[in-house]
Amino acid sequence: MDLLQYKPLIDALPVQQQAFSPNENIWGKLLQTADVGLSLDAFQHKQGFSRMLLHEMALSPQKLIAILMWGYPTGGRGKNIENVLKRLEDICNTISFYENSDLTKKELVQLITSLAQIPNLGMATWSKFLYFCHVTFNKKKMVILDSKIADVLNGQTVNGVVFKNLTASNSAEVYCDYLLGMGSLSEFLGSDIDKLELFLFMFGAMLQLRDGQ
């Protein structure tokens, strides 16, 4: 897979302005059922949550809820989000220990291992939390890894960067390899890693199909 020809598009993506508004009916019920102590009225949700806004919010259970609303505006699958909402304090306390820190691989593995032990908190969700919560790895920011991106990059070589198995498990090692690969690819392209992630999320499946034809 060669992304150089798409560099102008990647660089033009307004990644920090990407915003989503939660479904009021679904999220009103989720917050009530999970008994988080906040109603939908506590959030300025009608204008939507942008990446920029979420980056600027201080770490708190309310910020984690806003991230979930951004990532899963229609509530996600089954009771996954409801169950994660019930463990917000645990998640917030775990991340706060590492917030504003540049982590070694050992520290990042410890953090992810702690988060992954929380029921229904999968890689797509905890990677969103880390991305928005000012944690870095080897002086590079975290990157979201959800199933769409994992499916696109899994086992692929992109401009000389090899991505191993990204779909096997809720694994710290898998995520570390992904971060290193995305860092190398963004440096090769000379593009912002956030924009690269958004490009793969939006267009990656179409490119994969083309390459397979």
N, C-alpha and C. Protein backbone atom coordinates (compact mmCIF):
# COMPACT_ATOMS: atom_id res chain seq x y z
N MET A 1 0.85 -1.20 0.00
CA MET A 1 0.00 0.00 0.00
C MET A 1 0.89 1.25 0.00
N ASP A 2 0.59 2.17 -0.89
CA ASP A 2 1.38 3.39 -1.02
C ASP A 2 0.48 4.59 -0.73
N LEU A 3 0.82 5.35 0.30
CA LEU A 3 -0.01 6.50 0.68
C LEU A 3 0.54 7.84 0.20
N LEU A 4 1.71 7.84 -0.42
CA LEU A 4 2.31 9.11 -0.84
C LEU A 4 1.40 9.90 -1.78
N GLN A 5 0.69 9.19 -2.65
CA GLN A 5 -0.18 9.88 -3.60
C GLN A 5 -1.37 10.55 -2.91
N TYR A 6 -1.64 10.14 -1.67
CA TYR A 6 -2.76 10.72 -0.93
C TYR A 6 -2.33 11.77 0.08
N LYS A 7 -1.05 12.10 0.09
CA LYS A 7 -0.55 13.07 1.07
C LYS A 7 -1.30 14.41 1.06
N PRO A 8 -1.61 14.99 -0.11
CA PRO A 8 -2.36 16.26 -0.09
C PRO A 8 -3.70 16.14 0.63
N LEU A 9 -4.38 15.02 0.42
CA LEU A 9 -5.65 14.81 1.10
C LEU A 9 -5.44 14.63 2.59
N ILE A 10 -4.46 13.82 2.97
CA ILE A 10 -4.16 13.59 4.39
C ILE A 10 -3.89 14.92 5.10
N ASP A 11 -3.03 15.75 4.49
CA ASP A 11 -2.63 17.01 5.11
C ASP A 11 -3.76 18.02 5.17
N ALA A 12 -4.76 17.85 4.31
CA ALA A 12 -5.87 18.82 4.26
C ALA A 12 -7.00 18.48 5.22
N LEU A 13 -6.97 17.32 5.85
CA LEU A 13 -8.07 16.91 6.71
C LEU A 13 -8.15 17.80 7.96
N PRO A 14 -9.33 18.36 8.27
CA PRO A 14 -9.48 19.22 9.46
C PRO A 14 -9.69 18.39 10.72
N VAL A 15 -8.65 17.70 11.12
CA VAL A 15 -8.80 16.66 12.14
C VAL A 15 -9.27 17.21 13.48
N GLN A 16 -8.76 18.35 13.92
CA GLN A 16 -9.14 18.86 15.23
C GLN A 16 -10.56 19.40 15.26
N GLN A 17 -11.12 19.63 14.09
CA GLN A 17 -12.51 20.10 14.02
C GLN A 17 -13.50 18.95 13.86
N GLN A 18 -13.01 17.73 13.74
CA GLN A 18 -13.91 16.58 13.62
C GLN A 18 -14.77 16.50 14.88
N ALA A 19 -16.08 16.55 14.69
CA ALA A 19 -16.99 16.63 15.85
C ALA A 19 -18.20 15.72 15.65
N PHE A 20 -18.72 15.23 16.78
CA PHE A 20 -19.92 14.42 16.78
C PHE A 20 -20.83 14.86 17.92
N SER A 21 -22.13 14.77 17.69
CA SER A 21 -23.12 15.07 18.72
C SER A 21 -23.80 13.78 19.15
N PRO A 22 -23.97 13.57 20.45
CA PRO A 22 -24.58 12.33 20.91
C PRO A 22 -26.08 12.30 20.65
N ASN A 23 -26.61 11.11 20.41
CA ASN A 23 -28.05 10.92 20.33
C ASN A 23 -28.64 11.19 21.72
N GLU A 24 -29.48 12.20 21.83
CA GLU A 24 -29.97 12.63 23.14
C GLU A 24 -30.77 11.54 23.84
N ASN A 25 -31.61 10.84 23.11
CA ASN A 25 -32.44 9.82 23.73
C ASN A 25 -31.60 8.67 24.27
N ILE A 26 -30.68 8.19 23.44
CA ILE A 26 -29.83 7.06 23.85
C ILE A 26 -28.92 7.44 25.01
N TRP A 27 -28.26 8.60 24.90
CA TRP A 27 -27.30 8.97 25.94
C TRP A 27 -27.99 9.42 27.23
N GLY A 28 -29.17 9.99 27.13
CA GLY A 28 -29.92 10.31 28.34
C GLY A 28 -30.20 9.07 29.14
N LYS A 29 -30.61 8.00 28.45
CA LYS A 29 -30.91 6.73 29.13
C LYS A 29 -29.64 6.07 29.66
N LEU A 30 -28.54 6.14 28.88
CA LEU A 30 -27.28 5.53 29.32
C LEU A 30 -26.79 6.15 30.63
N LEU A 31 -26.80 7.48 30.69
CA LEU A 31 -26.32 8.16 31.89
C LEU A 31 -27.20 7.85 33.10
N GLN A 32 -28.48 7.74 32.86
CA GLN A 32 -29.40 7.42 33.96
C GLN A 32 -29.22 5.98 34.43
N THR A 33 -29.13 5.06 33.48
CA THR A 33 -28.99 3.64 33.84
C THR A 33 -27.67 3.36 34.54
N ALA A 34 -26.61 4.00 34.09
CA ALA A 34 -25.29 3.77 34.68
C ALA A 34 -25.12 4.51 36.01
N ASP A 35 -26.04 5.42 36.30
CA ASP A 35 -26.04 6.16 37.57
C ASP A 35 -24.69 6.86 37.80
N VAL A 36 -24.30 7.69 36.83
CA VAL A 36 -23.01 8.37 36.91
C VAL A 36 -23.08 9.69 37.68
N GLY A 37 -24.28 10.10 38.05
CA GLY A 37 -24.44 11.34 38.82
C GLY A 37 -24.47 12.58 37.95
N LEU A 38 -24.57 12.39 36.64
CA LEU A 38 -24.65 13.51 35.71
C LEU A 38 -25.75 13.22 34.70
N SER A 39 -26.49 14.26 34.36
CA SER A 39 -27.49 14.13 33.31
C SER A 39 -26.94 14.72 32.03
N LEU A 40 -27.64 14.52 30.95
CA LEU A 40 -27.20 15.06 29.67
C LEU A 40 -27.14 16.58 29.69
N ASP A 41 -27.94 17.19 30.54
CA ASP A 41 -27.95 18.65 30.64
C ASP A 41 -26.63 19.21 31.16
N ALA A 42 -25.81 18.36 31.79
CA ALA A 42 -24.51 18.81 32.30
C ALA A 42 -23.49 19.02 31.19
N PHE A 43 -23.84 18.61 29.97
CA PHE A 43 -22.91 18.69 28.84
C PHE A 43 -23.45 19.65 27.78
N GLN A 44 -22.56 20.44 27.22
CA GLN A 44 -22.95 21.30 26.10
C GLN A 44 -22.84 20.47 24.82
N HIS A 45 -23.78 19.54 24.70
CA HIS A 45 -23.67 18.51 23.68
C HIS A 45 -24.30 18.89 22.35
N LYS A 46 -25.19 19.86 22.34
CA LYS A 46 -25.92 20.17 21.11
C LYS A 46 -25.01 20.68 20.00
N GLN A 47 -23.93 21.37 20.37
CA GLN A 47 -22.99 21.87 19.36
C GLN A 47 -22.00 20.79 18.94
N GLY A 48 -22.03 19.66 19.63
CA GLY A 48 -21.12 18.58 19.31
C GLY A 48 -19.80 18.70 20.05
N PHE A 49 -19.10 17.59 20.16
CA PHE A 49 -17.78 17.56 20.77
C PHE A 49 -16.74 17.40 19.67
N SER A 50 -15.81 18.35 19.60
CA SER A 50 -14.73 18.25 18.62
C SER A 50 -13.48 17.68 19.28
N ARG A 51 -12.55 17.23 18.47
CA ARG A 51 -11.28 16.76 19.03
C ARG A 51 -10.59 17.89 19.80
N MET A 52 -10.63 19.08 19.25
CA MET A 52 -9.98 20.21 19.92
C MET A 52 -10.56 20.45 21.30
N LEU A 53 -11.88 20.42 21.40
CA LEU A 53 -12.54 20.65 22.68
C LEU A 53 -12.17 19.56 23.68
N LEU A 54 -12.16 18.32 23.24
CA LEU A 54 -11.84 17.22 24.15
C LEU A 54 -10.40 17.28 24.63
N HIS A 55 -9.48 17.69 23.76
CA HIS A 55 -8.08 17.84 24.17
C HIS A 55 -7.95 18.92 25.25
N GLU A 56 -8.78 19.94 25.17
CA GLU A 56 -8.66 21.07 26.10
C GLU A 56 -9.29 20.80 27.46
N MET A 57 -10.17 19.82 27.56
CA MET A 57 -10.84 19.54 28.83
C MET A 57 -9.88 18.88 29.81
N ALA A 58 -10.00 19.25 31.08
CA ALA A 58 -9.20 18.63 32.13
C ALA A 58 -9.71 17.21 32.40
N LEU A 59 -8.80 16.33 32.78
CA LEU A 59 -9.18 14.96 33.06
C LEU A 59 -10.19 14.89 34.20
N SER A 60 -11.29 14.22 33.96
CA SER A 60 -12.35 14.05 34.94
C SER A 60 -13.31 13.01 34.39
N PRO A 61 -14.17 12.45 35.25
CA PRO A 61 -15.20 11.54 34.71
C PRO A 61 -16.06 12.20 33.63
N GLN A 62 -16.31 13.50 33.78
CA GLN A 62 -17.11 14.21 32.78
C GLN A 62 -16.39 14.23 31.43
N LYS A 63 -15.08 14.41 31.44
CA LYS A 63 -14.33 14.39 30.18
C LYS A 63 -14.39 13.00 29.55
N LEU A 64 -14.27 11.96 30.35
CA LEU A 64 -14.33 10.61 29.81
C LEU A 64 -15.69 10.33 29.18
N ILE A 65 -16.76 10.84 29.80
CA ILE A 65 -18.10 10.69 29.23
C ILE A 65 -18.17 11.42 27.89
N ALA A 66 -17.63 12.63 27.83
CA ALA A 66 -17.64 13.40 26.58
C ALA A 66 -16.88 12.66 25.48
N ILE A 67 -15.77 12.01 25.83
CA ILE A 67 -15.01 11.22 24.86
C ILE A 67 -15.86 10.07 24.34
N LEU A 68 -16.58 9.42 25.24
CA LEU A 68 -17.45 8.32 24.84
C LEU A 68 -18.58 8.81 23.93
N MET A 69 -19.13 9.98 24.24
CA MET A 69 -20.17 10.55 23.38
C MET A 69 -19.63 10.87 22.00
N TRP A 70 -18.39 11.36 21.94
CA TRP A 70 -17.74 11.65 20.66
C TRP A 70 -17.49 10.36 19.88
N GLY A 71 -16.99 9.36 20.56
CA GLY A 71 -16.61 8.12 19.90
C GLY A 71 -17.78 7.22 19.57
N TYR A 72 -18.83 7.31 20.39
CA TYR A 72 -19.98 6.41 20.24
C TYR A 72 -21.27 7.22 20.36
N PRO A 73 -21.52 8.12 19.40
CA PRO A 73 -22.69 9.01 19.52
C PRO A 73 -24.02 8.28 19.57
N THR A 74 -24.07 7.05 19.04
CA THR A 74 -25.31 6.28 19.11
C THR A 74 -25.26 5.20 20.18
N GLY A 75 -24.29 5.30 21.09
CA GLY A 75 -24.28 4.43 22.26
C GLY A 75 -23.48 3.16 22.16
N GLY A 76 -22.88 2.87 21.03
CA GLY A 76 -22.07 1.67 20.91
C GLY A 76 -22.90 0.39 20.85
N ARG A 77 -22.22 -0.74 21.05
CA ARG A 77 -22.85 -2.05 20.93
C ARG A 77 -23.22 -2.61 22.30
N GLY A 78 -24.41 -3.21 22.36
CA GLY A 78 -24.83 -3.88 23.58
C GLY A 78 -24.75 -2.99 24.80
N LYS A 79 -24.21 -3.55 25.89
CA LYS A 79 -24.08 -2.80 27.14
C LYS A 79 -22.64 -2.40 27.42
N ASN A 80 -21.80 -2.41 26.38
CA ASN A 80 -20.39 -2.08 26.58
C ASN A 80 -20.21 -0.70 27.20
N ILE A 81 -20.84 0.32 26.61
CA ILE A 81 -20.65 1.68 27.11
C ILE A 81 -21.28 1.84 28.49
N GLU A 82 -22.43 1.26 28.70
CA GLU A 82 -23.07 1.33 30.02
C GLU A 82 -22.14 0.76 31.09
N ASN A 83 -21.50 -0.37 30.81
CA ASN A 83 -20.61 -0.99 31.78
C ASN A 83 -19.34 -0.16 32.00
N VAL A 84 -18.83 0.46 30.93
CA VAL A 84 -17.66 1.34 31.08
C VAL A 84 -18.03 2.56 31.92
N LEU A 85 -19.21 3.10 31.71
CA LEU A 85 -19.66 4.26 32.49
C LEU A 85 -19.68 3.96 33.99
N LYS A 86 -19.96 2.74 34.34
CA LYS A 86 -20.03 2.36 35.75
C LYS A 86 -18.65 2.29 36.39
N ARG A 87 -17.59 2.33 35.59
CA ARG A 87 -16.23 2.24 36.13
C ARG A 87 -15.42 3.51 35.85
N LEU A 88 -16.11 4.62 35.66
CA LEU A 88 -15.43 5.87 35.29
C LEU A 88 -14.39 6.30 36.32
N GLU A 89 -14.72 6.19 37.59
CA GLU A 89 -13.78 6.62 38.63
C GLU A 89 -12.50 5.80 38.58
N ASP A 90 -12.65 4.48 38.39
CA ASP A 90 -11.47 3.61 38.30
C ASP A 90 -10.62 3.99 37.09
N ILE A 91 -11.27 4.23 35.96
CA ILE A 91 -10.54 4.58 34.74
C ILE A 91 -9.82 5.92 34.92
N CYS A 92 -10.53 6.88 35.47
CA CYS A 92 -9.97 8.22 35.67
C CYS A 92 -8.77 8.17 36.62
N ASN A 93 -8.88 7.41 37.69
CA ASN A 93 -7.78 7.29 38.66
C ASN A 93 -6.56 6.62 38.02
N THR A 94 -6.81 5.61 37.21
CA THR A 94 -5.70 4.90 36.55
C THR A 94 -4.95 5.82 35.59
N ILE A 95 -5.70 6.55 34.78
CA ILE A 95 -5.06 7.44 33.80
C ILE A 95 -4.38 8.61 34.49
N SER A 96 -4.98 9.13 35.55
CA SER A 96 -4.43 10.31 36.23
C SER A 96 -3.03 10.07 36.77
N PHE A 97 -2.72 8.82 37.10
CA PHE A 97 -1.40 8.48 37.62
C PHE A 97 -0.32 8.72 36.56
N TYR A 98 -0.71 8.62 35.27
CA TYR A 98 0.25 8.74 34.17
C TYR A 98 0.06 10.01 33.35
N GLU A 99 -0.96 10.80 33.66
CA GLU A 99 -1.29 11.97 32.85
C GLU A 99 -0.12 12.95 32.79
N ASN A 100 0.05 13.57 31.64
CA ASN A 100 1.12 14.55 31.40
C ASN A 100 2.51 13.93 31.56
N SER A 101 2.61 12.62 31.29
CA SER A 101 3.89 11.93 31.41
C SER A 101 4.29 11.35 30.06
N ASP A 102 5.60 11.28 29.83
CA ASP A 102 6.13 10.59 28.67
C ASP A 102 6.53 9.19 29.14
N LEU A 103 5.84 8.18 28.66
CA LEU A 103 5.99 6.84 29.20
C LEU A 103 7.04 6.02 28.45
N THR A 104 7.71 5.17 29.20
CA THR A 104 8.52 4.12 28.59
C THR A 104 7.59 3.01 28.13
N LYS A 105 8.10 2.08 27.37
CA LYS A 105 7.26 0.96 26.93
C LYS A 105 6.75 0.17 28.13
N LYS A 106 7.58 -0.03 29.13
CA LYS A 106 7.17 -0.78 30.32
C LYS A 106 6.01 -0.07 31.02
N GLU A 107 6.10 1.25 31.14
CA GLU A 107 5.04 2.01 31.81
C GLU A 107 3.75 1.99 30.99
N LEU A 108 3.88 2.11 29.66
CA LEU A 108 2.69 2.08 28.81
C LEU A 108 2.02 0.72 28.88
N VAL A 109 2.80 -0.35 28.88
CA VAL A 109 2.23 -1.69 29.01
C VAL A 109 1.51 -1.84 30.34
N GLN A 110 2.08 -1.31 31.41
CA GLN A 110 1.42 -1.37 32.72
C GLN A 110 0.09 -0.62 32.72
N LEU A 111 0.09 0.55 32.11
CA LEU A 111 -1.14 1.35 32.04
C LEU A 111 -2.21 0.63 31.23
N ILE A 112 -1.85 0.13 30.06
CA ILE A 112 -2.84 -0.55 29.21
C ILE A 112 -3.34 -1.82 29.88
N THR A 113 -2.44 -2.55 30.52
CA THR A 113 -2.85 -3.78 31.20
C THR A 113 -3.88 -3.48 32.28
N SER A 114 -3.69 -2.40 33.00
CA SER A 114 -4.65 -2.01 34.03
C SER A 114 -6.00 -1.65 33.42
N LEU A 115 -5.99 -0.89 32.33
CA LEU A 115 -7.24 -0.49 31.69
C LEU A 115 -7.95 -1.68 31.05
N ALA A 116 -7.18 -2.57 30.44
CA ALA A 116 -7.77 -3.71 29.74
C ALA A 116 -8.45 -4.70 30.68
N GLN A 117 -8.13 -4.62 31.96
CA GLN A 117 -8.76 -5.52 32.93
C GLN A 117 -10.18 -5.09 33.29
N ILE A 118 -10.56 -3.87 32.90
CA ILE A 118 -11.90 -3.37 33.19
C ILE A 118 -12.86 -3.99 32.17
N PRO A 119 -13.90 -4.67 32.63
CA PRO A 119 -14.82 -5.35 31.70
C PRO A 119 -15.40 -4.41 30.65
N ASN A 120 -15.43 -4.88 29.42
CA ASN A 120 -16.00 -4.16 28.27
C ASN A 120 -15.20 -2.95 27.82
N LEU A 121 -14.03 -2.72 28.42
CA LEU A 121 -13.18 -1.61 27.99
C LEU A 121 -12.15 -2.15 27.01
N GLY A 122 -12.46 -2.06 25.72
CA GLY A 122 -11.59 -2.60 24.69
C GLY A 122 -10.62 -1.58 24.14
N MET A 123 -9.77 -2.04 23.24
CA MET A 123 -8.71 -1.20 22.70
C MET A 123 -9.24 0.05 22.01
N ALA A 124 -10.34 -0.09 21.28
CA ALA A 124 -10.89 1.08 20.58
C ALA A 124 -11.26 2.19 21.54
N THR A 125 -11.69 1.79 22.75
CA THR A 125 -12.13 2.79 23.74
C THR A 125 -10.98 3.31 24.56
N TRP A 126 -10.14 2.42 25.12
CA TRP A 126 -9.05 2.95 25.95
C TRP A 126 -8.03 3.72 25.12
N SER A 127 -7.89 3.40 23.82
CA SER A 127 -6.97 4.19 23.00
C SER A 127 -7.51 5.61 22.77
N LYS A 128 -8.83 5.75 22.74
CA LYS A 128 -9.43 7.09 22.67
C LYS A 128 -9.14 7.85 23.96
N PHE A 129 -9.30 7.21 25.10
CA PHE A 129 -9.00 7.88 26.37
C PHE A 129 -7.55 8.34 26.42
N LEU A 130 -6.61 7.48 26.04
CA LEU A 130 -5.19 7.85 26.09
C LEU A 130 -4.88 8.97 25.11
N TYR A 131 -5.49 8.93 23.94
CA TYR A 131 -5.27 9.97 22.92
C TYR A 131 -5.66 11.35 23.43
N PHE A 132 -6.77 11.42 24.14
CA PHE A 132 -7.27 12.73 24.58
C PHE A 132 -6.76 13.13 25.97
N CYS A 133 -5.97 12.30 26.63
CA CYS A 133 -5.61 12.58 28.03
C CYS A 133 -4.13 12.87 28.25
N HIS A 134 -3.45 13.39 27.23
CA HIS A 134 -2.11 13.98 27.40
C HIS A 134 -1.11 12.99 27.97
N VAL A 135 -1.08 11.81 27.38
CA VAL A 135 -0.06 10.82 27.69
C VAL A 135 0.74 10.59 26.42
N THR A 136 2.06 10.54 26.53
CA THR A 136 2.89 10.30 25.35
C THR A 136 3.76 9.06 25.56
N PHE A 137 4.28 8.55 24.48
CA PHE A 137 5.13 7.35 24.48
C PHE A 137 6.37 7.66 23.65
N ASN A 138 7.52 7.64 24.31
CA ASN A 138 8.78 8.01 23.62
C ASN A 138 8.66 9.36 22.94
N LYS A 139 8.02 10.30 23.65
CA LYS A 139 7.84 11.69 23.22
C LYS A 139 6.90 11.84 22.01
N LYS A 140 6.11 10.83 21.75
CA LYS A 140 5.13 10.88 20.67
C LYS A 140 3.74 10.64 21.25
N LYS A 141 2.75 11.35 20.69
CA LYS A 141 1.41 11.25 21.24
C LYS A 141 0.75 9.93 20.88
N MET A 142 -0.25 9.59 21.70
CA MET A 142 -1.01 8.39 21.46
C MET A 142 -1.87 8.55 20.21
N VAL A 143 -2.30 7.42 19.66
CA VAL A 143 -3.11 7.41 18.45
C VAL A 143 -4.27 6.45 18.67
N ILE A 144 -5.44 6.84 18.19
CA ILE A 144 -6.62 5.98 18.31
C ILE A 144 -6.44 4.75 17.42
N LEU A 145 -6.81 3.59 17.96
CA LEU A 145 -6.80 2.34 17.18
C LEU A 145 -8.15 1.66 17.36
N ASP A 146 -9.03 1.83 16.38
CA ASP A 146 -10.31 1.12 16.45
C ASP A 146 -10.32 0.03 15.39
N SER A 147 -11.42 -0.70 15.34
CA SER A 147 -11.46 -1.89 14.50
C SER A 147 -11.32 -1.57 13.02
N LYS A 148 -11.83 -0.41 12.57
CA LYS A 148 -11.71 -0.05 11.16
C LYS A 148 -10.24 0.09 10.76
N ILE A 149 -9.47 0.79 11.59
CA ILE A 149 -8.06 1.00 11.28
C ILE A 149 -7.28 -0.31 11.41
N ALA A 150 -7.61 -1.10 12.43
CA ALA A 150 -6.94 -2.39 12.62
C ALA A 150 -7.16 -3.30 11.42
N ASP A 151 -8.39 -3.32 10.90
CA ASP A 151 -8.69 -4.16 9.74
C ASP A 151 -7.92 -3.72 8.50
N VAL A 152 -7.73 -2.41 8.35
CA VAL A 152 -7.02 -1.88 7.18
C VAL A 152 -5.53 -2.21 7.25
N LEU A 153 -4.91 -2.02 8.41
CA LEU A 153 -3.46 -2.13 8.53
C LEU A 153 -2.98 -3.54 8.89
N ASN A 154 -3.88 -4.39 9.32
CA ASN A 154 -3.51 -5.71 9.83
C ASN A 154 -2.69 -6.52 8.80
N GLY A 155 -1.44 -6.78 9.14
CA GLY A 155 -0.58 -7.58 8.26
C GLY A 155 -0.11 -6.87 7.00
N GLN A 156 -0.34 -5.57 6.91
CA GLN A 156 0.01 -4.81 5.71
C GLN A 156 1.40 -4.17 5.83
N THR A 157 2.00 -3.94 4.68
CA THR A 157 3.21 -3.12 4.60
C THR A 157 2.85 -1.84 3.86
N VAL A 158 3.01 -0.71 4.54
CA VAL A 158 2.61 0.58 3.99
C VAL A 158 3.85 1.46 3.87
N ASN A 159 4.25 1.74 2.64
CA ASN A 159 5.46 2.54 2.39
C ASN A 159 6.64 2.04 3.21
N GLY A 160 6.80 0.73 3.21
CA GLY A 160 7.93 0.10 3.88
C GLY A 160 7.75 -0.13 5.36
N VAL A 161 6.65 0.33 5.94
CA VAL A 161 6.37 0.13 7.36
C VAL A 161 5.48 -1.10 7.52
N VAL A 162 5.95 -2.08 8.29
CA VAL A 162 5.21 -3.33 8.45
C VAL A 162 4.33 -3.26 9.69
N PHE A 163 3.05 -3.53 9.50
CA PHE A 163 2.10 -3.62 10.61
C PHE A 163 1.75 -5.08 10.84
N LYS A 164 2.01 -5.56 12.04
CA LYS A 164 1.77 -6.97 12.35
C LYS A 164 0.29 -7.18 12.65
N ASN A 165 -0.01 -8.26 13.34
CA ASN A 165 -1.39 -8.59 13.67
C ASN A 165 -1.95 -7.58 14.66
N LEU A 166 -2.91 -6.76 14.21
CA LEU A 166 -3.49 -5.72 15.07
C LEU A 166 -4.86 -6.10 15.60
N THR A 167 -5.34 -7.27 15.26
CA THR A 167 -6.72 -7.63 15.62
C THR A 167 -6.81 -8.80 16.58
N ALA A 168 -5.67 -9.31 17.03
CA ALA A 168 -5.68 -10.56 17.80
C ALA A 168 -6.30 -10.42 19.18
N SER A 169 -6.00 -9.34 19.89
CA SER A 169 -6.46 -9.25 21.27
C SER A 169 -6.39 -7.81 21.75
N ASN A 170 -6.91 -7.63 22.96
CA ASN A 170 -6.87 -6.33 23.63
C ASN A 170 -5.48 -6.17 24.25
N SER A 171 -4.46 -6.05 23.41
CA SER A 171 -3.08 -6.26 23.83
C SER A 171 -2.26 -4.98 23.88
N ALA A 172 -1.49 -4.85 24.95
CA ALA A 172 -0.58 -3.72 25.09
C ALA A 172 0.53 -3.79 24.06
N GLU A 173 1.06 -4.99 23.81
CA GLU A 173 2.14 -5.16 22.84
C GLU A 173 1.67 -4.78 21.43
N VAL A 174 0.46 -5.18 21.09
CA VAL A 174 -0.11 -4.84 19.79
C VAL A 174 -0.19 -3.33 19.63
N TYR A 175 -0.65 -2.65 20.67
CA TYR A 175 -0.81 -1.20 20.59
C TYR A 175 0.55 -0.50 20.49
N CYS A 176 1.53 -0.97 21.24
CA CYS A 176 2.86 -0.38 21.16
C CYS A 176 3.44 -0.51 19.75
N ASP A 177 3.28 -1.68 19.15
CA ASP A 177 3.74 -1.88 17.77
C ASP A 177 3.02 -0.93 16.82
N TYR A 178 1.73 -0.75 17.03
CA TYR A 178 0.93 0.16 16.20
C TYR A 178 1.44 1.59 16.32
N LEU A 179 1.72 2.05 17.54
CA LEU A 179 2.22 3.40 17.75
C LEU A 179 3.54 3.61 17.03
N LEU A 180 4.44 2.64 17.14
CA LEU A 180 5.74 2.77 16.48
C LEU A 180 5.58 2.79 14.97
N GLY A 181 4.69 1.94 14.45
CA GLY A 181 4.46 1.91 13.01
C GLY A 181 3.85 3.20 12.49
N MET A 182 2.83 3.70 13.21
CA MET A 182 2.19 4.95 12.80
C MET A 182 3.17 6.11 12.88
N GLY A 183 4.03 6.10 13.90
CA GLY A 183 5.04 7.15 14.02
C GLY A 183 6.00 7.14 12.85
N SER A 184 6.46 5.95 12.48
CA SER A 184 7.38 5.83 11.34
C SER A 184 6.70 6.25 10.04
N LEU A 185 5.44 5.86 9.86
CA LEU A 185 4.73 6.19 8.63
C LEU A 185 4.46 7.69 8.52
N SER A 186 4.08 8.32 9.65
CA SER A 186 3.81 9.76 9.61
C SER A 186 5.09 10.54 9.33
N GLU A 187 6.22 10.07 9.86
CA GLU A 187 7.50 10.72 9.59
C GLU A 187 7.89 10.56 8.12
N PHE A 188 7.67 9.38 7.55
CA PHE A 188 7.98 9.14 6.14
C PHE A 188 7.15 10.06 5.24
N LEU A 189 5.86 10.20 5.57
CA LEU A 189 4.98 11.03 4.76
C LEU A 189 5.16 12.52 5.05
N GLY A 190 5.72 12.84 6.21
CA GLY A 190 5.79 14.25 6.61
C GLY A 190 4.42 14.79 6.95
N SER A 191 3.56 13.93 7.48
CA SER A 191 2.18 14.31 7.79
C SER A 191 1.91 14.13 9.28
N ASP A 192 0.97 14.92 9.79
CA ASP A 192 0.59 14.82 11.19
C ASP A 192 -0.02 13.45 11.46
N ILE A 193 0.36 12.83 12.57
CA ILE A 193 -0.10 11.48 12.86
C ILE A 193 -1.61 11.42 13.10
N ASP A 194 -2.19 12.51 13.65
CA ASP A 194 -3.64 12.57 13.83
C ASP A 194 -4.36 12.52 12.49
N LYS A 195 -3.83 13.25 11.52
CA LYS A 195 -4.45 13.29 10.21
C LYS A 195 -4.31 11.95 9.49
N LEU A 196 -3.18 11.29 9.71
CA LEU A 196 -2.99 9.97 9.14
C LEU A 196 -4.00 8.99 9.71
N GLU A 197 -4.21 9.04 11.01
CA GLU A 197 -5.19 8.16 11.65
C GLU A 197 -6.59 8.41 11.11
N LEU A 198 -6.98 9.68 10.98
CA LEU A 198 -8.31 10.00 10.47
C LEU A 198 -8.45 9.56 9.01
N PHE A 199 -7.41 9.73 8.21
CA PHE A 199 -7.45 9.29 6.82
C PHE A 199 -7.69 7.79 6.73
N LEU A 200 -6.97 7.02 7.53
CA LEU A 200 -7.14 5.56 7.52
C LEU A 200 -8.53 5.17 7.98
N PHE A 201 -9.07 5.89 8.96
CA PHE A 201 -10.41 5.61 9.44
C PHE A 201 -11.46 5.89 8.36
N MET A 202 -11.31 7.00 7.66
CA MET A 202 -12.31 7.43 6.69
C MET A 202 -12.20 6.71 5.35
N PHE A 203 -10.95 6.49 4.89
CA PHE A 203 -10.76 6.01 3.51
C PHE A 203 -10.02 4.69 3.41
N GLY A 204 -9.50 4.19 4.52
CA GLY A 204 -8.64 3.02 4.47
C GLY A 204 -9.28 1.79 3.86
N ALA A 205 -10.54 1.53 4.21
CA ALA A 205 -11.20 0.33 3.69
C ALA A 205 -11.33 0.38 2.18
N MET A 206 -11.57 1.55 1.62
CA MET A 206 -11.68 1.69 0.17
C MET A 206 -10.34 1.45 -0.50
N LEU A 207 -9.26 1.93 0.11
CA LEU A 207 -7.93 1.72 -0.45
C LEU A 207 -7.54 0.26 -0.39
N GLN A 208 -7.90 -0.41 0.70
CA GLN A 208 -7.61 -1.82 0.86
C GLN A 208 -8.32 -2.63 -0.22
N LEU A 209 -9.57 -2.29 -0.50
CA LEU A 209 -10.32 -2.98 -1.53
C LEU A 209 -9.67 -2.79 -2.89
N ARG A 210 -9.24 -1.56 -3.18
CA ARG A 210 -8.60 -1.29 -4.47
C ARG A 210 -7.33 -2.11 -4.61
N ASP A 211 -6.51 -2.14 -3.54
CA ASP A 211 -5.25 -2.87 -3.63
C ASP A 211 -5.46 -4.37 -3.81
N GLY A 212 -6.62 -4.85 -3.34
CA GLY A 212 -6.89 -6.27 -3.43
C GLY A 212 -7.45 -6.68 -4.77
N GLN A 213 -7.80 -5.74 -5.62
CA GLN A 213 -8.41 -6.07 -6.91
C GLN A 213 -7.34 -6.38 -7.97
